[in-house]
């Protein structure tokens, strides 16, 4: 017999599956958030000045090395020690800290850009607080508790924070493309009767990772998966065309996008017109990565809709942004 709990979980699973069904998983590409960084195809990370600067340089480098775009590394990361032993990790000093000096190092390394900077703050702070817990104060011969008592125990909230100023210089022009503060934090809570979750050093490491994480989007091209819903019904169609539209829509929920898009295209070729049909054709074009046809379909869908067509308007805006981003990436 299926229990109420099992039926509840089965229902929830069905709702979650329905929420993800009949959508197009669109791979949306973005240029680096920092203007000019799209011109950089290779980069080196020098030590940051200040306490924790060597470790933070390693953390930033790791973020860049592990980033991918269009199925390949997003950028080539070069070991700074190739410029000489004085630039190896842990040995670099800020004598080349000016934009011109960093550009000179970049020229020696043969990279398009150089990252360096200064650690501004690294600290760990804690705040005490108390909790009440039940503890057994008397047990019987079998070990079962006979009496509990509320006791107050000491606890601590520990927070690590990290802050650094990062500078990105373009080698060819010695232009400073980025000069801003990266901040990160990490926290933990524990009580006197618990094991310490992390050491203070590990907490600082996590704060560094948090601070370095934005460099992927700031300095590198990146991708984001956006789930956009297909329109499930079309207005003004004949009974036969409505049935074909509905059948094509059902295919989108079974990962048969190619068949669905072919069916939608056949309806359009036969002269069927509806806002929902052209919207779905726009999604099909986006899935293929053809932005100009997608834009035309969305604009047609908006024009044919008697009411505001929110999904089509959002899709149109998404495609316009992608076209602008692609122009930066491929320009």
Foldseek 3Di string as FASTA:
>chain_A
DQDPVNVVVVVVVVVVLVVQFQWFWFKFKFFFPQPPLLVWQEEEEFFADDPCRLVLSVLLLVLQQPADDPHHRQHHYDQLCQLDVCRHRPRDDCPLVQLQSQLVSCVSRVGFKYKYWYWDDKDKDKDKDKDWDWDADDADPVRHGDDIDIDIWMKMKMKIKTKIWMWMAGNVVSDTRGTGMFIFMFIDMDTPPDDDPDDSVVRRSRRSNRRSNSCCRNNGMHIDTDIAHQDQAWPDDDPVLRVLLNVLSVCRRVVNPVVSLVSLVVCVVVPDDTLRSLQSNLSSCSRVVNLVSSLVSLVSSCVRDPDGDVSSVVSNVSSVNSVVRVVSNVD
